[in-house]
């Protein structure tokens, strides 16, 4: 998985490409932990994301909990396959998806 980060003051944009699964979830988790201090707006761009596993969902839930305390989190450019995963798991009700 490739993570492209762009931080502008308290706004952090991250674009994910590839697969967010058991092997790559720790990579995203580490990037988020390292980058979220002082962030009030987190945007995750899923345009290049092909696959999402339960390990990836756990990292997203953890990030959402942190951002609930310090600002907002938006996920954008979600493809049909990943949107279906969000719907089936109930994450569509928890996350802000554009």
C-alpha atoms as a PDB file:
ATOM      1  CA  UNK A   1       0.000   0.000   0.000  1.00  0.00           C
ATOM      2  CA  UNK A   2       1.152   3.504  -0.785  1.00  0.00           C
ATOM      3  CA  UNK A   3       0.239   6.418   1.482  1.00  0.00           C
ATOM      4  CA  UNK A   4       0.597   9.967   0.198  1.00  0.00           C
ATOM      5  CA  UNK A   5       0.433  12.591   2.933  1.00  0.00           C
ATOM      6  CA  UNK A   6      -0.161  16.317   2.577  1.00  0.00           C
ATOM      7  CA  UNK A   7      -0.388  18.442   5.716  1.00  0.00           C
ATOM      8  CA  UNK A   8      -1.405  22.086   5.643  1.00  0.00           C
ATOM      9  CA  UNK A   9      -1.576  23.505   9.162  1.00  0.00           C
ATOM     10  CA  UNK A  10      -4.270  21.601  11.054  1.00  0.00           C
ATOM     11  CA  UNK A  11      -5.560  19.878   7.897  1.00  0.00           C
ATOM     12  CA  UNK A  12      -4.160  16.468   6.951  1.00  0.00           C
ATOM     13  CA  UNK A  13      -4.951  14.767   3.649  1.00  0.00           C
ATOM     14  CA  UNK A  14      -3.953  11.147   3.080  1.00  0.00           C
ATOM     15  CA  UNK A  15      -4.413   9.276  -0.184  1.00  0.00           C
ATOM     16  CA  UNK A  16      -4.291   5.481   0.003  1.00  0.00           C
ATOM     17  CA  UNK A  17      -3.432   3.223  -2.927  1.00  0.00           C
ATOM     18  CA  UNK A  18      -3.500  -0.559  -3.036  1.00  0.00           C
ATOM     19  CA  UNK A  19      -4.804  -2.849  -0.294  1.00  0.00           C
ATOM     20  CA  UNK A  20      -5.599  -1.941   3.302  1.00  0.00           C
ATOM     21  CA  UNK A  21      -5.382  -5.348   4.958  1.00  0.00           C
ATOM     22  CA  UNK A  22      -3.683  -7.259   7.768  1.00  0.00           C
ATOM     23  CA  UNK A  23      -0.245  -6.679   6.226  1.00  0.00           C
ATOM     24  CA  UNK A  24      -0.635  -2.928   5.577  1.00  0.00           C
ATOM     25  CA  UNK A  25      -2.968  -1.762   8.383  1.00  0.00           C
ATOM     26  CA  UNK A  26      -0.045  -1.306  10.844  1.00  0.00           C
ATOM     27  CA  UNK A  27       1.612   1.007   8.288  1.00  0.00           C
ATOM     28  CA  UNK A  28      -1.476   3.265   8.139  1.00  0.00           C
ATOM     29  CA  UNK A  29      -1.899   3.100  11.915  1.00  0.00           C
ATOM     30  CA  UNK A  30       1.715   4.247  12.432  1.00  0.00           C
ATOM     31  CA  UNK A  31       1.352   7.080   9.895  1.00  0.00           C
ATOM     32  CA  UNK A  32      -1.850   8.294  11.558  1.00  0.00           C
ATOM     33  CA  UNK A  33      -0.419   8.160  15.099  1.00  0.00           C
ATOM     34  CA  UNK A  34       2.659  10.047  13.950  1.00  0.00           C
ATOM     35  CA  UNK A  35       0.678  12.726  12.097  1.00  0.00           C
ATOM     36  CA  UNK A  36      -2.518  13.427  14.052  1.00  0.00           C
ATOM     37  CA  UNK A  37      -1.199  15.802  16.741  1.00  0.00           C
ATOM     38  CA  UNK A  38      -2.936  19.145  16.252  1.00  0.00           C
ATOM     39  CA  UNK A  39      -4.965  17.932  13.271  1.00  0.00           C
ATOM     40  CA  UNK A  40      -8.585  19.145  13.255  1.00  0.00           C
ATOM     41  CA  UNK A  41      -9.483  18.038   9.716  1.00  0.00           C
ATOM     42  CA  UNK A  42      -8.488  14.594   8.429  1.00  0.00           C
ATOM     43  CA  UNK A  43      -9.355  13.620   4.868  1.00  0.00           C
ATOM     44  CA  UNK A  44      -8.724  10.106   3.568  1.00  0.00           C
ATOM     45  CA  UNK A  45      -8.840   9.714  -0.207  1.00  0.00           C
ATOM     46  CA  UNK A  46      -9.717   6.147  -1.210  1.00  0.00           C
ATOM     47  CA  UNK A  47      -9.617   6.716  -5.012  1.00  0.00           C
ATOM     48  CA  UNK A  48      -6.711   4.270  -5.343  1.00  0.00           C
ATOM     49  CA  UNK A  49      -7.800   1.815  -2.654  1.00  0.00           C
ATOM     50  CA  UNK A  50      -8.686  -1.601  -4.087  1.00  0.00           C
ATOM     51  CA  UNK A  51      -9.352  -3.689  -0.969  1.00  0.00           C
ATOM     52  CA  UNK A  52     -10.281  -3.182   2.672  1.00  0.00           C
ATOM     53  CA  UNK A  53     -10.149  -5.898   5.360  1.00  0.00           C
ATOM     54  CA  UNK A  54     -11.304  -6.002   8.975  1.00  0.00           C
ATOM     55  CA  UNK A  55      -7.804  -4.942  10.058  1.00  0.00           C
ATOM     56  CA  UNK A  56      -8.200  -1.820   7.926  1.00  0.00           C
ATOM     57  CA  UNK A  57     -11.644  -1.164   9.397  1.00  0.00           C
ATOM     58  CA  UNK A  58     -10.143  -1.318  12.899  1.00  0.00           C
ATOM     59  CA  UNK A  59      -7.584   1.375  11.997  1.00  0.00           C
ATOM     60  CA  UNK A  60     -10.315   3.572  10.490  1.00  0.00           C
ATOM     61  CA  UNK A  61     -12.464   3.185  13.606  1.00  0.00           C
ATOM     62  CA  UNK A  62      -9.528   4.088  15.820  1.00  0.00           C
ATOM     63  CA  UNK A  63      -8.790   7.190  13.702  1.00  0.00           C
ATOM     64  CA  UNK A  64     -12.469   8.196  13.816  1.00  0.00           C
ATOM     65  CA  UNK A  65     -12.483   7.971  17.626  1.00  0.00           C
ATOM     66  CA  UNK A  66      -9.436  10.252  17.847  1.00  0.00           C
ATOM     67  CA  UNK A  67     -10.895  12.731  15.362  1.00  0.00           C
ATOM     68  CA  UNK A  68     -14.225  12.789  17.241  1.00  0.00           C
ATOM     69  CA  UNK A  69     -12.236  14.330  20.113  1.00  0.00           C
ATOM     70  CA  UNK A  70     -10.224  16.844  18.086  1.00  0.00           C
ATOM     71  CA  UNK A  71     -12.083  17.606  14.868  1.00  0.00           C
ATOM     72  CA  UNK A  72     -13.541  15.833  11.852  1.00  0.00           C
ATOM     73  CA  UNK A  73     -12.655  12.974   9.528  1.00  0.00           C
ATOM     74  CA  UNK A  74     -13.943  12.545   5.981  1.00  0.00           C
ATOM     75  CA  UNK A  75     -13.428   9.629   3.595  1.00  0.00           C
ATOM     76  CA  UNK A  76     -13.845  10.441  -0.088  1.00  0.00           C
ATOM     77  CA  UNK A  77     -13.696   8.717  -3.478  1.00  0.00           C
ATOM     78  CA  UNK A  78     -14.872   5.350  -2.141  1.00  0.00           C
ATOM     79  CA  UNK A  79     -15.442   2.709  -4.838  1.00  0.00           C
ATOM     80  CA  UNK A  80     -18.496   0.411  -4.909  1.00  0.00           C
ATOM     81  CA  UNK A  81     -16.699  -2.598  -3.427  1.00  0.00           C
ATOM     82  CA  UNK A  82     -15.430  -0.708  -0.399  1.00  0.00           C
ATOM     83  CA  UNK A  83     -18.737   1.154   0.022  1.00  0.00           C
ATOM     84  CA  UNK A  84     -20.457  -2.240   0.180  1.00  0.00           C
ATOM     85  CA  UNK A  85     -18.064  -3.271   2.980  1.00  0.00           C
ATOM     86  CA  UNK A  86     -18.921  -0.045   4.852  1.00  0.00           C
ATOM     87  CA  UNK A  87     -22.660  -0.710   4.388  1.00  0.00           C
ATOM     88  CA  UNK A  88     -22.554  -4.378   5.454  1.00  0.00           C
ATOM     89  CA  UNK A  89     -20.414  -3.688   8.545  1.00  0.00           C
ATOM     90  CA  UNK A  90     -22.386  -0.620   9.628  1.00  0.00           C
ATOM     91  CA  UNK A  91     -19.348   1.636   9.187  1.00  0.00           C
ATOM     92  CA  UNK A  92     -21.371   3.738   6.717  1.00  0.00           C
ATOM     93  CA  UNK A  93     -23.312   4.966   9.768  1.00  0.00           C
ATOM     94  CA  UNK A  94     -20.181   5.763  11.779  1.00  0.00           C
ATOM     95  CA  UNK A  95     -17.925   7.362   9.165  1.00  0.00           C
ATOM     96  CA  UNK A  96     -18.444  10.518   7.116  1.00  0.00           C
ATOM     97  CA  UNK A  97     -18.208   9.356   3.494  1.00  0.00           C
ATOM     98  CA  UNK A  98     -18.383  11.759   0.563  1.00  0.00           C
END
